[in-house]
Amino acid sequence: MAVQFLDANVLFSAAYRPDAGLRRLWDLEGVRLVTSAYAAEEARSNLRDEDQRHRLRFLLALVRVADGLPDLPLPPSVELPPKDLPILLAAIHTGASHLITGDVTHFGRYYGTTISGVLVQRPADFLASRPSDPNERRPETR
């Protein structure tokens, strides 16, 4: 089963609105979603409303959340701000095949690039690369 690492901005966007399109990620067949406690906390701290935080808790219950901040070496060609390094390192550490991130500012230059076995992709590109399933269901929350 393919492992997809979700950046904080993907978690945030999926929880922001009950009908967020990114929630399709939770319905994909043959995909295991993972994130880090670091990314989950960043998403939670940026959500202002309790309904949004409730949706995030619900979605996180369906995702493997890795603890700790791995201390792994990166290829010298990779340059990221200190706050984004834990995201890429956690994706590598969890054995993810993809890092799904909407952070164009910091990860944009790496879109379509594989770093230490992890392909960096925008959520829309990842979803577009998946076969469409008319029977997909979105996780329901109140």
N, C-alpha and C. Protein backbone atom coordinates (compact mmCIF):
# COMPACT_ATOMS: atom_id res chain seq x y z
N MET A 1 0.85 -1.18 0.00
CA MET A 1 0.00 0.00 0.00
C MET A 1 0.90 1.24 0.00
N ALA A 2 0.61 2.16 -0.89
CA ALA A 2 1.40 3.39 -1.01
C ALA A 2 1.13 4.32 0.17
N VAL A 3 2.20 4.92 0.68
CA VAL A 3 2.09 5.84 1.81
C VAL A 3 2.25 7.27 1.30
N GLN A 4 1.29 8.12 1.64
CA GLN A 4 1.31 9.52 1.23
C GLN A 4 1.41 10.38 2.48
N PHE A 5 2.42 11.24 2.52
CA PHE A 5 2.62 12.13 3.66
C PHE A 5 1.90 13.44 3.40
N LEU A 6 1.08 13.89 4.35
CA LEU A 6 0.31 15.12 4.21
C LEU A 6 0.96 16.25 4.99
N ASP A 7 1.25 17.34 4.29
CA ASP A 7 1.80 18.54 4.91
C ASP A 7 0.69 19.24 5.71
N ALA A 8 1.08 20.12 6.60
CA ALA A 8 0.13 20.86 7.44
C ALA A 8 -0.89 21.62 6.62
N ASN A 9 -0.47 22.21 5.50
CA ASN A 9 -1.41 23.01 4.71
C ASN A 9 -2.49 22.15 4.07
N VAL A 10 -2.19 20.88 3.80
CA VAL A 10 -3.20 19.96 3.27
C VAL A 10 -4.20 19.60 4.37
N LEU A 11 -3.70 19.32 5.56
CA LEU A 11 -4.58 19.04 6.70
C LEU A 11 -5.48 20.25 6.98
N PHE A 12 -4.88 21.42 7.02
CA PHE A 12 -5.62 22.66 7.26
C PHE A 12 -6.73 22.83 6.23
N SER A 13 -6.38 22.69 4.96
CA SER A 13 -7.36 22.91 3.88
C SER A 13 -8.48 21.87 3.91
N ALA A 14 -8.15 20.63 4.24
CA ALA A 14 -9.16 19.58 4.30
C ALA A 14 -10.14 19.81 5.45
N ALA A 15 -9.67 20.42 6.53
CA ALA A 15 -10.52 20.66 7.70
C ALA A 15 -11.23 22.01 7.65
N TYR A 16 -10.77 22.91 6.82
CA TYR A 16 -11.27 24.27 6.82
C TYR A 16 -12.77 24.35 6.50
N ARG A 17 -13.20 23.60 5.47
CA ARG A 17 -14.61 23.58 5.06
C ARG A 17 -15.11 22.14 5.06
N PRO A 18 -16.37 21.92 5.42
CA PRO A 18 -16.89 20.55 5.43
C PRO A 18 -16.89 19.91 4.04
N ASP A 19 -16.96 20.73 3.00
CA ASP A 19 -17.02 20.21 1.63
C ASP A 19 -15.69 20.37 0.87
N ALA A 20 -14.60 20.46 1.59
CA ALA A 20 -13.29 20.67 0.97
C ALA A 20 -12.97 19.52 0.00
N GLY A 21 -12.55 19.88 -1.19
CA GLY A 21 -12.20 18.89 -2.21
C GLY A 21 -11.05 17.99 -1.81
N LEU A 22 -10.14 18.50 -0.98
CA LEU A 22 -8.99 17.69 -0.55
C LEU A 22 -9.39 16.49 0.28
N ARG A 23 -10.60 16.48 0.77
CA ARG A 23 -11.05 15.34 1.56
C ARG A 23 -11.14 14.07 0.71
N ARG A 24 -11.05 14.23 -0.60
CA ARG A 24 -10.99 13.06 -1.49
C ARG A 24 -9.79 12.18 -1.16
N LEU A 25 -8.73 12.79 -0.64
CA LEU A 25 -7.53 12.01 -0.29
C LEU A 25 -7.87 10.88 0.68
N TRP A 26 -8.81 11.11 1.57
CA TRP A 26 -9.17 10.13 2.58
C TRP A 26 -9.96 8.96 2.00
N ASP A 27 -10.42 9.09 0.76
CA ASP A 27 -11.24 8.05 0.14
C ASP A 27 -10.48 7.18 -0.86
N LEU A 28 -9.25 7.50 -1.11
CA LEU A 28 -8.52 6.79 -2.16
C LEU A 28 -8.21 5.35 -1.77
N GLU A 29 -8.41 4.45 -2.72
CA GLU A 29 -8.09 3.04 -2.52
C GLU A 29 -6.58 2.85 -2.64
N GLY A 30 -6.03 1.95 -1.87
CA GLY A 30 -4.62 1.61 -1.97
C GLY A 30 -3.67 2.69 -1.50
N VAL A 31 -4.17 3.60 -0.67
CA VAL A 31 -3.36 4.71 -0.17
C VAL A 31 -3.43 4.73 1.35
N ARG A 32 -2.28 4.86 1.96
CA ARG A 32 -2.24 5.03 3.42
C ARG A 32 -1.74 6.44 3.70
N LEU A 33 -2.53 7.22 4.41
CA LEU A 33 -2.16 8.60 4.71
C LEU A 33 -1.40 8.66 6.03
N VAL A 34 -0.37 9.48 6.02
CA VAL A 34 0.45 9.67 7.22
C VAL A 34 0.82 11.14 7.30
N THR A 35 1.04 11.61 8.50
CA THR A 35 1.53 12.96 8.73
C THR A 35 2.38 12.90 9.99
N SER A 36 2.80 14.04 10.45
CA SER A 36 3.59 14.08 11.69
C SER A 36 2.84 14.89 12.73
N ALA A 37 3.19 14.67 13.98
CA ALA A 37 2.61 15.46 15.07
C ALA A 37 2.91 16.94 14.84
N TYR A 38 4.09 17.22 14.31
CA TYR A 38 4.51 18.60 13.99
C TYR A 38 3.55 19.24 12.99
N ALA A 39 3.23 18.52 11.88
CA ALA A 39 2.33 19.04 10.86
C ALA A 39 0.91 19.17 11.41
N ALA A 40 0.47 18.19 12.18
CA ALA A 40 -0.87 18.23 12.75
C ALA A 40 -1.04 19.43 13.68
N GLU A 41 -0.03 19.70 14.49
CA GLU A 41 -0.10 20.85 15.40
C GLU A 41 -0.09 22.17 14.64
N GLU A 42 0.71 22.24 13.58
CA GLU A 42 0.72 23.46 12.77
C GLU A 42 -0.66 23.71 12.16
N ALA A 43 -1.29 22.67 11.63
CA ALA A 43 -2.63 22.81 11.05
C ALA A 43 -3.62 23.24 12.13
N ARG A 44 -3.59 22.56 13.27
CA ARG A 44 -4.52 22.87 14.36
C ARG A 44 -4.38 24.32 14.83
N SER A 45 -3.14 24.77 14.97
CA SER A 45 -2.93 26.13 15.48
C SER A 45 -3.39 27.21 14.51
N ASN A 46 -3.53 26.87 13.24
CA ASN A 46 -3.97 27.85 12.25
C ASN A 46 -5.48 27.83 12.02
N LEU A 47 -6.17 26.83 12.54
CA LEU A 47 -7.64 26.78 12.44
C LEU A 47 -8.23 27.58 13.59
N ARG A 48 -9.10 28.50 13.27
CA ARG A 48 -9.62 29.42 14.29
C ARG A 48 -10.92 28.97 14.92
N ASP A 49 -11.67 28.15 14.24
CA ASP A 49 -13.02 27.85 14.69
C ASP A 49 -13.10 26.41 15.21
N GLU A 50 -13.93 26.19 16.21
CA GLU A 50 -14.01 24.87 16.85
C GLU A 50 -14.55 23.80 15.88
N ASP A 51 -15.45 24.18 14.98
CA ASP A 51 -15.94 23.20 14.00
C ASP A 51 -14.79 22.74 13.10
N GLN A 52 -13.93 23.65 12.71
CA GLN A 52 -12.77 23.29 11.88
C GLN A 52 -11.84 22.36 12.65
N ARG A 53 -11.60 22.68 13.90
CA ARG A 53 -10.72 21.83 14.72
C ARG A 53 -11.34 20.45 14.95
N HIS A 54 -12.65 20.40 15.06
CA HIS A 54 -13.35 19.11 15.18
C HIS A 54 -13.13 18.29 13.90
N ARG A 55 -13.28 18.93 12.75
CA ARG A 55 -13.06 18.23 11.48
C ARG A 55 -11.62 17.73 11.38
N LEU A 56 -10.67 18.56 11.83
CA LEU A 56 -9.28 18.13 11.81
C LEU A 56 -9.07 16.90 12.70
N ARG A 57 -9.62 16.92 13.90
CA ARG A 57 -9.48 15.76 14.79
C ARG A 57 -10.06 14.50 14.15
N PHE A 58 -11.21 14.66 13.50
CA PHE A 58 -11.84 13.53 12.81
C PHE A 58 -10.93 12.99 11.71
N LEU A 59 -10.40 13.89 10.89
CA LEU A 59 -9.53 13.46 9.78
C LEU A 59 -8.23 12.85 10.31
N LEU A 60 -7.67 13.41 11.36
CA LEU A 60 -6.43 12.87 11.92
C LEU A 60 -6.63 11.47 12.52
N ALA A 61 -7.84 11.18 12.95
CA ALA A 61 -8.12 9.84 13.48
C ALA A 61 -8.01 8.79 12.37
N LEU A 62 -8.07 9.22 11.12
CA LEU A 62 -8.00 8.31 9.98
C LEU A 62 -6.61 8.29 9.34
N VAL A 63 -5.66 8.97 9.97
CA VAL A 63 -4.31 9.13 9.45
C VAL A 63 -3.32 8.62 10.50
N ARG A 64 -2.25 7.99 10.05
CA ARG A 64 -1.19 7.63 11.00
C ARG A 64 -0.40 8.90 11.30
N VAL A 65 -0.26 9.24 12.57
CA VAL A 65 0.47 10.43 12.97
C VAL A 65 1.78 9.99 13.60
N ALA A 66 2.88 10.30 12.93
CA ALA A 66 4.22 9.94 13.41
C ALA A 66 4.69 10.95 14.44
N ASP A 67 5.24 10.46 15.53
CA ASP A 67 5.76 11.33 16.59
C ASP A 67 7.24 11.62 16.35
N GLY A 68 7.71 12.65 17.01
CA GLY A 68 9.13 12.96 16.98
C GLY A 68 9.55 13.69 15.71
N LEU A 69 10.71 14.29 15.79
CA LEU A 69 11.29 14.99 14.64
C LEU A 69 12.55 14.24 14.24
N PRO A 70 12.51 13.55 13.11
CA PRO A 70 13.68 12.77 12.70
C PRO A 70 14.87 13.65 12.38
N ASP A 71 16.03 13.14 12.68
CA ASP A 71 17.27 13.85 12.38
C ASP A 71 18.00 13.07 11.29
N LEU A 72 17.64 13.35 10.05
CA LEU A 72 18.21 12.65 8.90
C LEU A 72 18.96 13.65 8.04
N PRO A 73 19.98 13.20 7.33
CA PRO A 73 20.67 14.11 6.41
C PRO A 73 19.84 14.30 5.13
N LEU A 74 19.90 15.49 4.59
CA LEU A 74 19.25 15.79 3.31
C LEU A 74 20.31 15.93 2.24
N PRO A 75 19.94 15.66 0.99
CA PRO A 75 20.89 15.93 -0.08
C PRO A 75 21.29 17.41 -0.03
N PRO A 76 22.55 17.72 -0.33
CA PRO A 76 23.02 19.11 -0.24
C PRO A 76 22.27 20.07 -1.17
N SER A 77 21.64 19.55 -2.21
CA SER A 77 20.93 20.42 -3.15
C SER A 77 19.57 20.89 -2.63
N VAL A 78 19.11 20.33 -1.51
CA VAL A 78 17.80 20.69 -0.96
C VAL A 78 17.97 21.84 0.01
N GLU A 79 17.25 22.92 -0.28
CA GLU A 79 17.28 24.10 0.59
C GLU A 79 15.85 24.43 1.00
N LEU A 80 15.61 24.34 2.30
CA LEU A 80 14.30 24.66 2.85
C LEU A 80 14.47 25.48 4.12
N PRO A 81 13.48 26.33 4.43
CA PRO A 81 13.53 27.05 5.70
C PRO A 81 13.45 26.05 6.86
N PRO A 82 14.00 26.40 8.00
CA PRO A 82 14.00 25.49 9.16
C PRO A 82 12.62 24.94 9.52
N LYS A 83 11.55 25.74 9.34
CA LYS A 83 10.21 25.26 9.72
C LYS A 83 9.69 24.19 8.77
N ASP A 84 10.24 24.09 7.56
CA ASP A 84 9.78 23.10 6.59
C ASP A 84 10.63 21.84 6.56
N LEU A 85 11.82 21.90 7.10
CA LEU A 85 12.68 20.72 7.14
C LEU A 85 12.02 19.54 7.86
N PRO A 86 11.36 19.76 9.02
CA PRO A 86 10.73 18.61 9.70
C PRO A 86 9.66 17.92 8.85
N ILE A 87 9.02 18.66 7.96
CA ILE A 87 7.99 18.08 7.09
C ILE A 87 8.64 17.09 6.11
N LEU A 88 9.64 17.54 5.39
CA LEU A 88 10.32 16.67 4.43
C LEU A 88 11.00 15.51 5.14
N LEU A 89 11.66 15.77 6.25
CA LEU A 89 12.35 14.71 6.99
C LEU A 89 11.37 13.66 7.50
N ALA A 90 10.21 14.10 7.97
CA ALA A 90 9.20 13.14 8.45
C ALA A 90 8.66 12.31 7.29
N ALA A 91 8.47 12.93 6.12
CA ALA A 91 8.01 12.18 4.95
C ALA A 91 9.02 11.09 4.58
N ILE A 92 10.29 11.44 4.62
CA ILE A 92 11.35 10.47 4.32
C ILE A 92 11.37 9.37 5.40
N HIS A 93 11.33 9.79 6.65
CA HIS A 93 11.41 8.87 7.79
C HIS A 93 10.26 7.86 7.81
N THR A 94 9.07 8.28 7.41
CA THR A 94 7.90 7.39 7.44
C THR A 94 7.84 6.46 6.23
N GLY A 95 8.77 6.63 5.30
CA GLY A 95 8.78 5.77 4.11
C GLY A 95 7.72 6.15 3.09
N ALA A 96 7.27 7.38 3.14
CA ALA A 96 6.24 7.83 2.20
C ALA A 96 6.78 7.83 0.77
N SER A 97 5.90 7.51 -0.16
CA SER A 97 6.28 7.60 -1.57
C SER A 97 6.07 9.02 -2.08
N HIS A 98 5.15 9.77 -1.43
CA HIS A 98 4.82 11.13 -1.85
C HIS A 98 4.75 12.05 -0.63
N LEU A 99 5.15 13.29 -0.85
CA LEU A 99 4.88 14.38 0.08
C LEU A 99 3.86 15.25 -0.63
N ILE A 100 2.65 15.29 -0.09
CA ILE A 100 1.58 16.08 -0.69
C ILE A 100 1.55 17.42 0.04
N THR A 101 1.86 18.49 -0.71
CA THR A 101 1.94 19.81 -0.11
C THR A 101 1.47 20.89 -1.08
N GLY A 102 0.78 21.85 -0.53
CA GLY A 102 0.36 23.01 -1.31
C GLY A 102 1.27 24.20 -1.09
N ASP A 103 2.38 24.00 -0.42
CA ASP A 103 3.32 25.08 -0.09
C ASP A 103 4.20 25.39 -1.30
N VAL A 104 3.66 26.20 -2.20
CA VAL A 104 4.37 26.56 -3.42
C VAL A 104 5.62 27.38 -3.11
N THR A 105 5.54 28.23 -2.11
CA THR A 105 6.66 29.11 -1.78
C THR A 105 7.92 28.32 -1.43
N HIS A 106 7.77 27.30 -0.59
CA HIS A 106 8.96 26.59 -0.12
C HIS A 106 9.21 25.26 -0.81
N PHE A 107 8.14 24.59 -1.25
CA PHE A 107 8.31 23.29 -1.89
C PHE A 107 8.09 23.35 -3.40
N GLY A 108 7.61 24.46 -3.90
CA GLY A 108 7.27 24.57 -5.32
C GLY A 108 8.38 24.18 -6.27
N ARG A 109 9.60 24.58 -5.98
CA ARG A 109 10.71 24.25 -6.88
C ARG A 109 11.02 22.75 -6.89
N TYR A 110 10.47 22.02 -5.90
CA TYR A 110 10.71 20.58 -5.83
C TYR A 110 9.53 19.76 -6.36
N TYR A 111 8.43 20.43 -6.79
CA TYR A 111 7.30 19.69 -7.34
C TYR A 111 7.78 18.82 -8.50
N GLY A 112 7.36 17.58 -8.48
CA GLY A 112 7.75 16.64 -9.52
C GLY A 112 9.13 16.03 -9.31
N THR A 113 9.79 16.39 -8.21
CA THR A 113 11.13 15.90 -7.90
C THR A 113 11.05 14.86 -6.79
N THR A 114 11.89 13.85 -6.92
CA THR A 114 11.98 12.83 -5.87
C THR A 114 13.21 13.12 -5.02
N ILE A 115 12.99 13.27 -3.72
CA ILE A 115 14.06 13.55 -2.77
C ILE A 115 14.13 12.39 -1.78
N SER A 116 15.23 11.69 -1.78
CA SER A 116 15.41 10.54 -0.89
C SER A 116 14.23 9.58 -0.94
N GLY A 117 13.73 9.34 -2.14
CA GLY A 117 12.64 8.38 -2.35
C GLY A 117 11.25 8.95 -2.22
N VAL A 118 11.11 10.25 -1.95
CA VAL A 118 9.80 10.87 -1.75
C VAL A 118 9.53 11.85 -2.90
N LEU A 119 8.46 11.61 -3.64
CA LEU A 119 8.06 12.50 -4.72
C LEU A 119 7.24 13.65 -4.14
N VAL A 120 7.67 14.88 -4.39
CA VAL A 120 6.97 16.06 -3.89
C VAL A 120 5.92 16.46 -4.91
N GLN A 121 4.65 16.54 -4.49
CA GLN A 121 3.56 16.87 -5.41
C GLN A 121 2.55 17.80 -4.78
N ARG A 122 1.95 18.63 -5.64
CA ARG A 122 0.79 19.42 -5.24
C ARG A 122 -0.38 18.46 -5.06
N PRO A 123 -1.32 18.77 -4.17
CA PRO A 123 -2.47 17.89 -3.99
C PRO A 123 -3.24 17.66 -5.29
N ALA A 124 -3.46 18.72 -6.07
CA ALA A 124 -4.22 18.59 -7.32
C ALA A 124 -3.52 17.65 -8.29
N ASP A 125 -2.19 17.72 -8.37
CA ASP A 125 -1.46 16.83 -9.27
C ASP A 125 -1.54 15.39 -8.80
N PHE A 126 -1.43 15.18 -7.49
CA PHE A 126 -1.54 13.83 -6.97
C PHE A 126 -2.93 13.26 -7.25
N LEU A 127 -3.97 14.03 -6.97
CA LEU A 127 -5.33 13.56 -7.20
C LEU A 127 -5.58 13.31 -8.69
N ALA A 128 -5.05 14.16 -9.55
CA ALA A 128 -5.23 14.00 -11.00
C ALA A 128 -4.54 12.74 -11.50
N SER A 129 -3.50 12.29 -10.82
CA SER A 129 -2.76 11.11 -11.25
C SER A 129 -3.45 9.81 -10.83
N ARG A 130 -4.47 9.93 -10.00
CA ARG A 130 -5.20 8.75 -9.51
C ARG A 130 -6.39 8.45 -10.39
N PRO A 131 -6.69 7.18 -10.60
CA PRO A 131 -7.90 6.86 -11.37
C PRO A 131 -9.14 7.35 -10.63
N SER A 132 -10.09 7.86 -11.34
CA SER A 132 -11.32 8.37 -10.73
C SER A 132 -12.23 7.20 -10.37
N ASP A 133 -12.78 7.25 -9.17
CA ASP A 133 -13.69 6.21 -8.70
C ASP A 133 -15.04 6.86 -8.41
N PRO A 134 -16.06 6.53 -9.21
CA PRO A 134 -17.38 7.15 -9.00
C PRO A 134 -18.03 6.77 -7.68
N ASN A 135 -17.52 5.72 -7.02
CA ASN A 135 -18.10 5.29 -5.75
C ASN A 135 -17.40 5.86 -4.54
N GLU A 136 -16.46 6.79 -4.76
CA GLU A 136 -15.74 7.38 -3.63
C GLU A 136 -16.72 8.06 -2.68
N ARG A 137 -16.46 7.90 -1.39
CA ARG A 137 -17.23 8.58 -0.37
C ARG A 137 -16.31 9.49 0.40
N ARG A 138 -16.81 10.63 0.78
CA ARG A 138 -16.06 11.52 1.65
C ARG A 138 -16.33 11.16 3.09
N PRO A 139 -15.31 11.24 3.94
CA PRO A 139 -15.58 11.02 5.36
C PRO A 139 -16.61 12.04 5.84
N GLU A 140 -17.57 11.56 6.61
CA GLU A 140 -18.62 12.46 7.09
C GLU A 140 -18.29 12.96 8.50
N THR A 141 -18.53 14.23 8.70
CA THR A 141 -18.41 14.82 10.03
C THR A 141 -19.66 15.64 10.26
N ARG A 142 -19.86 16.02 11.49
CA ARG A 142 -21.05 16.84 11.75
C ARG A 142 -20.76 18.27 11.43
